Amino acid sequence: MNHNRIKIEFFLNEIKGEGKSSPAGMYWNDFFLFLKKHKSHNEPDPPVPLILAASGESDASKHFRLSEQLYWAADHNCLDEAIKFLKNISSEKWNKGALEDWNKSNY
C-alpha cells in the first residue's frame, strides 16, 4: 500500500469514526473549487460533490465520493493540502449520520 493511500484511508476512517461522511453543501463546493485550482489545463475536473439534487444520497455514497476526490488530489500532488483544507472545516459543517444508517439515502 503506498503512502498516499495510507494517508487517505487513515483520514477517511478518522472522519467516519466521528460519523462524518463529507463536507456539507457549500463547504463541499468550496473544497471542489480548491481541487479544481490544482488541475492542468486539459485534464478532467475532480469528481463533483454530491450536493444540490444529489444531497439525498447516503452517507456511504458521499463518503465514497470524498474518497474519489482525495485520490484525485493525490494524483495531482495536492493531497496534503486537501486533507488540511478538510480538517479546517468545523465539525458542524459536515454531513453526518449514524453508522447504522450509513447506507440509507434520504430520497
PDB file of N, CA and C in Angstrom:
ATOM      1  N   MET A   1       0.859  -1.183   0.000  1.00  0.00           N
ATOM      2  CA  MET A   1       0.000   0.000   0.000  1.00  0.00           C
ATOM      3  C   MET A   1       0.900   1.238   0.000  1.00  0.00           C
ATOM      4  N   ASN A   2       0.645   2.151  -0.934  1.00  0.00           N
ATOM      5  CA  ASN A   2       1.523   3.317  -0.995  1.00  0.00           C
ATOM      6  C   ASN A   2       1.172   4.345   0.084  1.00  0.00           C
ATOM      7  N   HIS A   3       2.084   5.274   0.263  1.00  0.00           N
ATOM      8  CA  HIS A   3       1.975   6.264   1.339  1.00  0.00           C
ATOM      9  C   HIS A   3       0.704   7.111   1.223  1.00  0.00           C
ATOM     10  N   ASN A   4       0.364   7.565   0.014  1.00  0.00           N
ATOM     11  CA  ASN A   4      -0.842   8.381  -0.162  1.00  0.00           C
ATOM     12  C   ASN A   4      -2.101   7.598   0.165  1.00  0.00           C
ATOM     13  N   ARG A   5      -2.149   6.348  -0.244  1.00  0.00           N
ATOM     14  CA  ARG A   5      -3.318   5.519   0.064  1.00  0.00           C
ATOM     15  C   ARG A   5      -3.492   5.365   1.576  1.00  0.00           C
ATOM     16  N   ILE A   6      -2.398   5.173   2.274  1.00  0.00           N
ATOM     17  CA  ILE A   6      -2.456   5.062   3.740  1.00  0.00           C
ATOM     18  C   ILE A   6      -2.994   6.351   4.341  1.00  0.00           C
ATOM     19  N   LYS A   7      -2.492   7.508   3.882  1.00  0.00           N
ATOM     20  CA  LYS A   7      -2.973   8.811   4.377  1.00  0.00           C
ATOM     21  C   LYS A   7      -4.469   8.967   4.144  1.00  0.00           C
ATOM     22  N   ILE A   8      -4.902   8.619   2.936  1.00  0.00           N
ATOM     23  CA  ILE A   8      -6.316   8.773   2.578  1.00  0.00           C
ATOM     24  C   ILE A   8      -7.180   7.866   3.438  1.00  0.00           C
ATOM     25  N   GLU A   9      -6.815   6.598   3.526  1.00  0.00           N
ATOM     26  CA  GLU A   9      -7.614   5.647   4.308  1.00  0.00           C
ATOM     27  C   GLU A   9      -7.645   6.032   5.783  1.00  0.00           C
ATOM     28  N   PHE A  10      -6.527   6.497   6.319  1.00  0.00           N
ATOM     29  CA  PHE A  10      -6.487   6.930   7.718  1.00  0.00           C
ATOM     30  C   PHE A  10      -7.440   8.102   7.934  1.00  0.00           C
ATOM     31  N   PHE A  11      -7.368   9.106   7.061  1.00  0.00           N
ATOM     32  CA  PHE A  11      -8.241  10.276   7.198  1.00  0.00           C
ATOM     33  C   PHE A  11      -9.711   9.880   7.076  1.00  0.00           C
ATOM     34  N   LEU A  12     -10.037   9.066   6.078  1.00  0.00           N
ATOM     35  CA  LEU A  12     -11.433   8.658   5.880  1.00  0.00           C
ATOM     36  C   LEU A  12     -11.957   7.851   7.059  1.00  0.00           C
ATOM     37  N   ASN A  13     -11.132   6.962   7.592  1.00  0.00           N
ATOM     38  CA  ASN A  13     -11.552   6.180   8.762  1.00  0.00           C
ATOM     39  C   ASN A  13     -11.740   7.073   9.984  1.00  0.00           C
ATOM     40  N   GLU A  14     -10.879   8.066  10.114  1.00  0.00           N
ATOM     41  CA  GLU A  14     -10.974   9.001  11.231  1.00  0.00           C
ATOM     42  C   GLU A  14     -12.300   9.767  11.187  1.00  0.00           C
ATOM     43  N   ILE A  15     -12.640  10.342  10.028  1.00  0.00           N
ATOM     44  CA  ILE A  15     -13.877  11.124   9.974  1.00  0.00           C
ATOM     45  C   ILE A  15     -15.110  10.219  10.057  1.00  0.00           C
ATOM     46  N   LYS A  16     -15.021   9.029   9.477  1.00  0.00           N
ATOM     47  CA  LYS A  16     -16.159   8.104   9.566  1.00  0.00           C
ATOM     48  C   LYS A  16     -16.399   7.716  11.020  1.00  0.00           C
ATOM     49  N   GLY A  17     -15.338   7.542  11.770  1.00  0.00           N
ATOM     50  CA  GLY A  17     -15.467   7.236  13.195  1.00  0.00           C
ATOM     51  C   GLY A  17     -16.197   8.326  13.960  1.00  0.00           C
ATOM     52  N   GLU A  18     -16.161   9.541  13.439  1.00  0.00           N
ATOM     53  CA  GLU A  18     -16.881  10.674  14.035  1.00  0.00           C
ATOM     54  C   GLU A  18     -18.276  10.820  13.428  1.00  0.00           C
ATOM     55  N   GLY A  19     -18.644   9.903  12.518  1.00  0.00           N
ATOM     56  CA  GLY A  19     -19.951   9.955  11.864  1.00  0.00           C
ATOM     57  C   GLY A  19     -20.013  10.936  10.710  1.00  0.00           C
ATOM     58  N   LYS A  20     -18.867  11.482  10.290  1.00  0.00           N
ATOM     59  CA  LYS A  20     -18.832  12.478   9.209  1.00  0.00           C
ATOM     60  C   LYS A  20     -18.572  11.770   7.880  1.00  0.00           C
ATOM     61  N   SER A  21     -19.421  12.091   6.893  1.00  0.00           N
ATOM     62  CA  SER A  21     -19.253  11.469   5.576  1.00  0.00           C
ATOM     63  C   SER A  21     -18.559  12.401   4.587  1.00  0.00           C
ATOM     64  N   SER A  22     -18.918  13.681   4.613  1.00  0.00           N
ATOM     65  CA  SER A  22     -18.410  14.656   3.645  1.00  0.00           C
ATOM     66  C   SER A  22     -18.759  16.051   4.147  1.00  0.00           C
ATOM     67  N   PRO A  23     -18.075  17.069   3.628  1.00  0.00           N
ATOM     68  CA  PRO A  23     -18.486  18.423   3.993  1.00  0.00           C
ATOM     69  C   PRO A  23     -19.910  18.691   3.502  1.00  0.00           C
ATOM     70  N   ALA A  24     -20.611  19.537   4.197  1.00  0.00           N
ATOM     71  CA  ALA A  24     -21.982  19.879   3.822  1.00  0.00           C
ATOM     72  C   ALA A  24     -21.987  20.945   2.723  1.00  0.00           C
ATOM     73  N   GLY A  25     -22.971  20.857   1.851  1.00  0.00           N
ATOM     74  CA  GLY A  25     -23.287  21.846   0.822  1.00  0.00           C
ATOM     75  C   GLY A  25     -22.174  22.719   0.306  1.00  0.00           C
ATOM     76  N   MET A  26     -22.246  23.998   0.647  1.00  0.00           N
ATOM     77  CA  MET A  26     -21.304  24.970   0.098  1.00  0.00           C
ATOM     78  C   MET A  26     -19.873  24.697   0.520  1.00  0.00           C
ATOM     79  N   TYR A  27     -19.670  24.038   1.654  1.00  0.00           N
ATOM     80  CA  TYR A  27     -18.309  23.731   2.116  1.00  0.00           C
ATOM     81  C   TYR A  27     -17.685  22.649   1.233  1.00  0.00           C
ATOM     82  N   TRP A  28     -18.538  21.734   0.773  1.00  0.00           N
ATOM     83  CA  TRP A  28     -18.039  20.721  -0.155  1.00  0.00           C
ATOM     84  C   TRP A  28     -17.772  21.356  -1.518  1.00  0.00           C
ATOM     85  N   ASN A  29     -18.604  22.292  -1.915  1.00  0.00           N
ATOM     86  CA  ASN A  29     -18.359  23.006  -3.158  1.00  0.00           C
ATOM     87  C   ASN A  29     -17.059  23.805  -3.070  1.00  0.00           C
ATOM     88  N   ASP A  30     -16.798  24.429  -1.927  1.00  0.00           N
ATOM     89  CA  ASP A  30     -15.540  25.160  -1.736  1.00  0.00           C
ATOM     90  C   ASP A  30     -14.348  24.210  -1.886  1.00  0.00           C
ATOM     91  N   PHE A  31     -14.476  22.992  -1.353  1.00  0.00           N
ATOM     92  CA  PHE A  31     -13.402  22.008  -1.482  1.00  0.00           C
ATOM     93  C   PHE A  31     -13.218  21.621  -2.951  1.00  0.00           C
ATOM     94  N   PHE A  32     -14.310  21.425  -3.664  1.00  0.00           N
ATOM     95  CA  PHE A  32     -14.256  21.108  -5.088  1.00  0.00           C
ATOM     96  C   PHE A  32     -13.528  22.213  -5.860  1.00  0.00           C
ATOM     97  N   LEU A  33     -13.859  23.468  -5.574  1.00  0.00           N
ATOM     98  CA  LEU A  33     -13.201  24.596  -6.242  1.00  0.00           C
ATOM     99  C   LEU A  33     -11.719  24.649  -5.893  1.00  0.00           C
ATOM    100  N   PHE A  34     -11.388  24.323  -4.644  1.00  0.00           N
ATOM    101  CA  PHE A  34      -9.985  24.229  -4.241  1.00  0.00           C
ATOM    102  C   PHE A  34      -9.263  23.186  -5.094  1.00  0.00           C
ATOM    103  N   LEU A  35      -9.874  22.019  -5.268  1.00  0.00           N
ATOM    104  CA  LEU A  35      -9.253  20.961  -6.066  1.00  0.00           C
ATOM    105  C   LEU A  35      -9.077  21.397  -7.518  1.00  0.00           C
ATOM    106  N   LYS A  36     -10.093  22.052  -8.061  1.00  0.00           N
ATOM    107  CA  LYS A  36     -10.029  22.483  -9.473  1.00  0.00           C
ATOM    108  C   LYS A  36      -8.839  23.397  -9.739  1.00  0.00           C
ATOM    109  N   LYS A  37      -8.406  24.141  -8.745  1.00  0.00           N
ATOM    110  CA  LYS A  37      -7.250  25.022  -8.911  1.00  0.00           C
ATOM    111  C   LYS A  37      -5.969  24.228  -9.152  1.00  0.00           C
ATOM    112  N   HIS A  38      -5.990  22.938  -8.845  1.00  0.00           N
ATOM    113  CA  HIS A  38      -4.792  22.109  -8.965  1.00  0.00           C
ATOM    114  C   HIS A  38      -4.778  21.238 -10.215  1.00  0.00           C
ATOM    115  N   LYS A  39      -5.714  21.438 -11.105  1.00  0.00           N
ATOM    116  CA  LYS A  39      -5.719  20.630 -12.328  1.00  0.00           C
ATOM    117  C   LYS A  39      -5.001  21.362 -13.445  1.00  0.00           C
ATOM    118  N   SER A  40      -4.453  20.590 -14.337  1.00  0.00           N
ATOM    119  CA  SER A  40      -3.816  21.169 -15.522  1.00  0.00           C
ATOM    120  C   SER A  40      -4.894  21.514 -16.543  1.00  0.00           C
ATOM    121  N   HIS A  41      -4.524  22.303 -17.498  1.00  0.00           N
ATOM    122  CA  HIS A  41      -5.469  22.874 -18.463  1.00  0.00           C
ATOM    123  C   HIS A  41      -6.379  21.842 -19.140  1.00  0.00           C
ATOM    124  N   ASN A  42      -5.846  20.781 -19.673  1.00  0.00           N
ATOM    125  CA  ASN A  42      -6.649  19.837 -20.464  1.00  0.00           C
ATOM    126  C   ASN A  42      -7.103  18.606 -19.690  1.00  0.00           C
ATOM    127  N   GLU A  43      -6.921  18.585 -18.404  1.00  0.00           N
ATOM    128  CA  GLU A  43      -7.315  17.424 -17.610  1.00  0.00           C
ATOM    129  C   GLU A  43      -8.782  17.527 -17.188  1.00  0.00           C
ATOM    130  N   PRO A  44      -9.377  16.381 -16.894  1.00  0.00           N
ATOM    131  CA  PRO A  44     -10.752  16.430 -16.379  1.00  0.00           C
ATOM    132  C   PRO A  44     -10.803  17.039 -14.983  1.00  0.00           C
ATOM    133  N   ASP A  45     -11.956  17.602 -14.658  1.00  0.00           N
ATOM    134  CA  ASP A  45     -12.184  18.141 -13.315  1.00  0.00           C
ATOM    135  C   ASP A  45     -12.154  17.022 -12.289  1.00  0.00           C
ATOM    136  N   PRO A  46     -11.962  17.375 -11.024  1.00  0.00           N
ATOM    137  CA  PRO A  46     -12.110  16.375  -9.966  1.00  0.00           C
ATOM    138  C   PRO A  46     -13.567  15.913  -9.899  1.00  0.00           C
ATOM    139  N   PRO A  47     -13.825  14.781  -9.262  1.00  0.00           N
ATOM    140  CA  PRO A  47     -15.214  14.331  -9.111  1.00  0.00           C
ATOM    141  C   PRO A  47     -16.061  15.408  -8.415  1.00  0.00           C
ATOM    142  N   VAL A  48     -17.265  15.594  -8.909  1.00  0.00           N
ATOM    143  CA  VAL A  48     -18.138  16.637  -8.347  1.00  0.00           C
ATOM    144  C   VAL A  48     -18.720  16.189  -7.005  1.00  0.00           C
ATOM    145  N   PRO A  49     -18.948  17.148  -6.110  1.00  0.00           N
ATOM    146  CA  PRO A  49     -19.542  16.801  -4.818  1.00  0.00           C
ATOM    147  C   PRO A  49     -21.012  16.411  -4.985  1.00  0.00           C
ATOM    148  N   LEU A  50     -21.489  15.608  -4.070  1.00  0.00           N
ATOM    149  CA  LEU A  50     -22.895  15.199  -4.089  1.00  0.00           C
ATOM    150  C   LEU A  50     -23.703  16.207  -3.279  1.00  0.00           C
ATOM    151  N   ILE A  51     -23.987  17.330  -3.928  1.00  0.00           N
ATOM    152  CA  ILE A  51     -24.748  18.413  -3.303  1.00  0.00           C
ATOM    153  C   ILE A  51     -25.942  18.731  -4.204  1.00  0.00           C
ATOM    154  N   LEU A  52     -26.741  19.681  -3.786  1.00  0.00           N
ATOM    155  CA  LEU A  52     -27.939  20.101  -4.514  1.00  0.00           C
ATOM    156  C   LEU A  52     -28.847  18.895  -4.762  1.00  0.00           C
ATOM    157  N   ALA A  53     -29.106  18.516  -6.001  1.00  0.00           N
ATOM    158  CA  ALA A  53     -30.021  17.407  -6.290  1.00  0.00           C
ATOM    159  C   ALA A  53     -29.504  16.076  -5.757  1.00  0.00           C
ATOM    160  N   ALA A  54     -28.193  15.948  -5.580  1.00  0.00           N
ATOM    161  CA  ALA A  54     -27.607  14.691  -5.091  1.00  0.00           C
ATOM    162  C   ALA A  54     -27.434  14.672  -3.575  1.00  0.00           C
ATOM    163  N   SER A  55     -27.897  15.701  -2.891  1.00  0.00           N
ATOM    164  CA  SER A  55     -27.675  15.790  -1.444  1.00  0.00           C
ATOM    165  C   SER A  55     -28.418  14.716  -0.652  1.00  0.00           C
ATOM    166  N   GLY A  56     -29.388  14.052  -1.278  1.00  0.00           N
ATOM    167  CA  GLY A  56     -30.124  12.993  -0.599  1.00  0.00           C
ATOM    168  C   GLY A  56     -29.432  11.643  -0.652  1.00  0.00           C
ATOM    169  N   GLU A  57     -28.282  11.575  -1.310  1.00  0.00           N
ATOM    170  CA  GLU A  57     -27.526  10.320  -1.363  1.00  0.00           C
ATOM    171  C   GLU A  57     -27.148   9.883   0.048  1.00  0.00           C
ATOM    172  N   SER A  58     -26.854   8.611   0.189  1.00  0.00           N
ATOM    173  CA  SER A  58     -26.480   8.073   1.501  1.00  0.00           C
ATOM    174  C   SER A  58     -25.139   8.637   1.951  1.00  0.00           C
ATOM    175  N   ASP A  59     -24.898   8.565   3.252  1.00  0.00           N
ATOM    176  CA  ASP A  59     -23.593   8.971   3.769  1.00  0.00           C
ATOM    177  C   ASP A  59     -22.496   8.108   3.174  1.00  0.00           C
ATOM    178  N   ALA A  60     -22.778   6.846   2.927  1.00  0.00           N
ATOM    179  CA  ALA A  60     -21.788   5.955   2.311  1.00  0.00           C
ATOM    180  C   ALA A  60     -21.402   6.461   0.924  1.00  0.00           C
ATOM    181  N   SER A  61     -22.391   6.880   0.133  1.00  0.00           N
ATOM    182  CA  SER A  61     -22.117   7.407  -1.203  1.00  0.00           C
ATOM    183  C   SER A  61     -21.319   8.705  -1.138  1.00  0.00           C
ATOM    184  N   LYS A  62     -21.685   9.577  -0.208  1.00  0.00           N
ATOM    185  CA  LYS A  62     -20.974  10.847  -0.052  1.00  0.00           C
ATOM    186  C   LYS A  62     -19.529  10.601   0.388  1.00  0.00           C
ATOM    187  N   HIS A  63     -19.362   9.665   1.312  1.00  0.00           N
ATOM    188  CA  HIS A  63     -18.017   9.337   1.816  1.00  0.00           C
ATOM    189  C   HIS A  63     -17.164   8.749   0.688  1.00  0.00           C
ATOM    190  N   PHE A  64     -17.773   7.907  -0.143  1.00  0.00           N
ATOM    191  CA  PHE A  64     -17.048   7.330  -1.276  1.00  0.00           C
ATOM    192  C   PHE A  64     -16.639   8.416  -2.269  1.00  0.00           C
ATOM    193  N   ARG A  65     -17.544   9.369  -2.538  1.00  0.00           N
ATOM    194  CA  ARG A  65     -17.206  10.449  -3.462  1.00  0.00           C
ATOM    195  C   ARG A  65     -16.066  11.289  -2.893  1.00  0.00           C
ATOM    196  N   LEU A  66     -16.087  11.546  -1.583  1.00  0.00           N
ATOM    197  CA  LEU A  66     -14.986  12.276  -0.969  1.00  0.00           C
ATOM    198  C   LEU A  66     -13.680  11.498  -1.142  1.00  0.00           C
ATOM    199  N   SER A  67     -13.740  10.183  -1.028  1.00  0.00           N
ATOM    200  CA  SER A  67     -12.527   9.373  -1.230  1.00  0.00           C
ATOM    201  C   SER A  67     -12.026   9.521  -2.665  1.00  0.00           C
ATOM    202  N   GLU A  68     -12.946   9.547  -3.629  1.00  0.00           N
ATOM    203  CA  GLU A  68     -12.544   9.738  -5.029  1.00  0.00           C
ATOM    204  C   GLU A  68     -11.842  11.090  -5.204  1.00  0.00           C
ATOM    205  N   GLN A  69     -12.353  12.097  -4.532  1.00  0.00           N
ATOM    206  CA  GLN A  69     -11.731  13.412  -4.618  1.00  0.00           C
ATOM    207  C   GLN A  69     -10.331  13.406  -4.001  1.00  0.00           C
ATOM    208  N   LEU A  70     -10.168  12.676  -2.902  1.00  0.00           N
ATOM    209  CA  LEU A  70      -8.852  12.619  -2.267  1.00  0.00           C
ATOM    210  C   LEU A  70      -7.855  11.855  -3.129  1.00  0.00           C
ATOM    211  N   TYR A  71      -8.302  10.796  -3.788  1.00  0.00           N
ATOM    212  CA  TYR A  71      -7.402  10.093  -4.715  1.00  0.00           C
ATOM    213  C   TYR A  71      -7.059  10.984  -5.906  1.00  0.00           C
ATOM    214  N   TRP A  72      -8.013  11.771  -6.357  1.00  0.00           N
ATOM    215  CA  TRP A  72      -7.735  12.745  -7.417  1.00  0.00           C
ATOM    216  C   TRP A  72      -6.664  13.728  -6.926  1.00  0.00           C
ATOM    217  N   ALA A  73      -6.819  14.211  -5.684  1.00  0.00           N
ATOM    218  CA  ALA A  73      -5.843  15.136  -5.105  1.00  0.00           C
ATOM    219  C   ALA A  73      -4.454  14.500  -5.061  1.00  0.00           C
ATOM    220  N   ALA A  74      -4.391  13.234  -4.690  1.00  0.00           N
ATOM    221  CA  ALA A  74      -3.103  12.537  -4.640  1.00  0.00           C
ATOM    222  C   ALA A  74      -2.476  12.489  -6.028  1.00  0.00           C
ATOM    223  N   ASP A  75      -3.283  12.218  -7.034  1.00  0.00           N
ATOM    224  CA  ASP A  75      -2.786  12.155  -8.412  1.00  0.00           C
ATOM    225  C   ASP A  75      -2.341  13.522  -8.935  1.00  0.00           C
ATOM    226  N   HIS A  76      -2.791  14.588  -8.284  1.00  0.00           N
ATOM    227  CA  HIS A  76      -2.465  15.941  -8.721  1.00  0.00           C
ATOM    228  C   HIS A  76      -1.572  16.664  -7.712  1.00  0.00           C
ATOM    229  N   ASN A  77      -0.918  15.880  -6.885  1.00  0.00           N
ATOM    230  CA  ASN A  77       0.110  16.396  -5.961  1.00  0.00           C
ATOM    231  C   ASN A  77      -0.380  17.459  -4.994  1.00  0.00           C
ATOM    232  N   CYS A  78      -1.618  17.310  -4.536  1.00  0.00           N
ATOM    233  CA  CYS A  78      -2.125  18.277  -3.555  1.00  0.00           C
ATOM    234  C   CYS A  78      -2.857  17.577  -2.408  1.00  0.00           C
ATOM    235  N   LEU A  79      -2.501  16.325  -2.139  1.00  0.00           N
ATOM    236  CA  LEU A  79      -3.204  15.562  -1.098  1.00  0.00           C
ATOM    237  C   LEU A  79      -3.045  16.194   0.277  1.00  0.00           C
ATOM    238  N   ASP A  80      -1.830  16.541   0.662  1.00  0.00           N
ATOM    239  CA  ASP A  80      -1.638  17.120   1.997  1.00  0.00           C
ATOM    240  C   ASP A  80      -2.433  18.405   2.158  1.00  0.00           C
ATOM    241  N   GLU A  81      -2.430  19.243   1.128  1.00  0.00           N
ATOM    242  CA  GLU A  81      -3.206  20.482   1.176  1.00  0.00           C
ATOM    243  C   GLU A  81      -4.705  20.185   1.246  1.00  0.00           C
ATOM    244  N   ALA A  82      -5.145  19.158   0.517  1.00  0.00           N
ATOM    245  CA  ALA A  82      -6.566  18.790   0.510  1.00  0.00           C
ATOM    246  C   ALA A  82      -7.011  18.319   1.891  1.00  0.00           C
ATOM    247  N   ILE A  83      -6.207  17.477   2.511  1.00  0.00           N
ATOM    248  CA  ILE A  83      -6.558  16.991   3.855  1.00  0.00           C
ATOM    249  C   ILE A  83      -6.548  18.149   4.848  1.00  0.00           C
ATOM    250  N   LYS A  84      -5.579  19.032   4.732  1.00  0.00           N
ATOM    251  CA  LYS A  84      -5.535  20.207   5.611  1.00  0.00           C
ATOM    252  C   LYS A  84      -6.787  21.059   5.411  1.00  0.00           C
ATOM    253  N   PHE A  85      -7.190  21.257   4.162  1.00  0.00           N
ATOM    254  CA  PHE A  85      -8.400  22.024   3.850  1.00  0.00           C
ATOM    255  C   PHE A  85      -9.604  21.405   4.569  1.00  0.00           C
ATOM    256  N   LEU A  86      -9.750  20.086   4.444  1.00  0.00           N
ATOM    257  CA  LEU A  86     -10.887  19.395   5.059  1.00  0.00           C
ATOM    258  C   LEU A  86     -10.830  19.451   6.586  1.00  0.00           C
ATOM    259  N   LYS A  87      -9.651  19.321   7.153  1.00  0.00           N
ATOM    260  CA  LYS A  87      -9.517  19.375   8.613  1.00  0.00           C
ATOM    261  C   LYS A  87      -9.869  20.743   9.161  1.00  0.00           C
ATOM    262  N   ASN A  88      -9.768  21.775   8.329  1.00  0.00           N
ATOM    263  CA  ASN A  88     -10.096  23.129   8.769  1.00  0.00           C
ATOM    264  C   ASN A  88     -11.586  23.448   8.685  1.00  0.00           C
ATOM    265  N   ILE A  89     -12.375  22.514   8.166  1.00  0.00           N
ATOM    266  CA  ILE A  89     -13.832  22.703   8.143  1.00  0.00           C
ATOM    267  C   ILE A  89     -14.363  22.262   9.500  1.00  0.00           C
ATOM    268  N   SER A  90     -15.045  23.149  10.190  1.00  0.00           N
ATOM    269  CA  SER A  90     -15.531  22.822  11.532  1.00  0.00           C
ATOM    270  C   SER A  90     -16.557  21.685  11.487  1.00  0.00           C
ATOM    271  N   SER A  91     -16.629  20.970  12.574  1.00  0.00           N
ATOM    272  CA  SER A  91     -17.429  19.746  12.662  1.00  0.00           C
ATOM    273  C   SER A  91     -18.900  19.949  12.304  1.00  0.00           C
ATOM    274  N   GLU A  92     -19.456  21.092  12.660  1.00  0.00           N
ATOM    275  CA  GLU A  92     -20.886  21.322  12.383  1.00  0.00           C
ATOM    276  C   GLU A  92     -21.166  21.581  10.907  1.00  0.00           C
ATOM    277  N   LYS A  93     -20.118  21.700  10.099  1.00  0.00           N
ATOM    278  CA  LYS A  93     -20.280  21.965   8.668  1.00  0.00           C
ATOM    279  C   LYS A  93     -20.040  20.708   7.829  1.00  0.00           C
ATOM    280  N   TRP A  94     -20.312  19.554   8.425  1.00  0.00           N
ATOM    281  CA  TRP A  94     -20.150  18.265   7.745  1.00  0.00           C
ATOM    282  C   TRP A  94     -21.486  17.536   7.681  1.00  0.00           C
ATOM    283  N   ASN A  95     -21.672  16.728   6.640  1.00  0.00           N
ATOM    284  CA  ASN A  95     -22.782  15.780   6.609  1.00  0.00           C
ATOM    285  C   ASN A  95     -22.427  14.691   7.607  1.00  0.00           C
ATOM    286  N   LYS A  96     -23.398  14.346   8.448  1.00  0.00           N
ATOM    287  CA  LYS A  96     -23.143  13.359   9.494  1.00  0.00           C
ATOM    288  C   LYS A  96     -24.295  12.373   9.550  1.00  0.00           C
ATOM    289  N   GLY A  97     -23.970  11.187  10.007  1.00  0.00           N
ATOM    290  CA  GLY A  97     -25.012  10.184  10.181  1.00  0.00           C
ATOM    291  C   GLY A  97     -24.537   9.056  11.073  1.00  0.00           C
ATOM    292  N   ALA A  98     -25.494   8.368  11.642  1.00  0.00           N
ATOM    293  CA  ALA A  98     -25.178   7.200  12.465  1.00  0.00           C
ATOM    294  C   ALA A  98     -24.703   6.076  11.549  1.00  0.00           C
ATOM    295  N   LEU A  99     -23.714   5.344  11.985  1.00  0.00           N
ATOM    296  CA  LEU A  99     -23.150   4.292  11.147  1.00  0.00           C
ATOM    297  C   LEU A  99     -24.185   3.233  10.778  1.00  0.00           C
ATOM    298  N   GLU A 100     -25.181   3.000  11.642  1.00  0.00           N
ATOM    299  CA  GLU A 100     -26.206   2.004  11.302  1.00  0.00           C
ATOM    300  C   GLU A 100     -27.106   2.488  10.161  1.00  0.00           C
ATOM    301  N   ASP A 101     -27.110   3.790   9.888  1.00  0.00           N
ATOM    302  CA  ASP A 101     -27.890   4.364   8.789  1.00  0.00           C
ATOM    303  C   ASP A 101     -27.002   4.794   7.616  1.00  0.00           C
ATOM    304  N   TRP A 102     -25.739   4.426   7.646  1.00  0.00           N
ATOM    305  CA  TRP A 102     -24.724   4.896   6.711  1.00  0.00           C
ATOM    306  C   TRP A 102     -25.124   4.677   5.247  1.00  0.00           C
ATOM    307  N   ASN A 103     -25.818   3.567   4.961  1.00  0.00           N
ATOM    308  CA  ASN A 103     -26.164   3.225   3.565  1.00  0.00           C
ATOM    309  C   ASN A 103     -27.565   3.678   3.157  1.00  0.00           C
ATOM    310  N   LYS A 104     -28.279   4.367   4.018  1.00  0.00           N
ATOM    311  CA  LYS A 104     -29.640   4.819   3.698  1.00  0.00           C
ATOM    312  C   LYS A 104     -29.601   6.172   3.022  1.00  0.00           C
ATOM    313  N   SER A 105     -30.334   6.277   1.910  1.00  0.00           N
ATOM    314  CA  SER A 105     -30.444   7.578   1.249  1.00  0.00           C
ATOM    315  C   SER A 105     -31.581   8.367   1.882  1.00  0.00           C
ATOM    316  N   ASN A 106     -31.665   9.618   1.578  1.00  0.00           N
ATOM    317  CA  ASN A 106     -32.710  10.490   2.121  1.00  0.00           C
ATOM    318  C   ASN A 106     -33.727  10.892   1.069  1.00  0.00           C
ATOM    319  N   TYR A 107     -33.899  10.054   0.039  1.00  0.00           N
ATOM    320  CA  TYR A 107     -34.873  10.358  -1.001  1.00  0.00           C
ATOM    321  C   TYR A 107     -36.234   9.847  -0.611  1.00  0.00           C
TER     322      TYR A 107
END
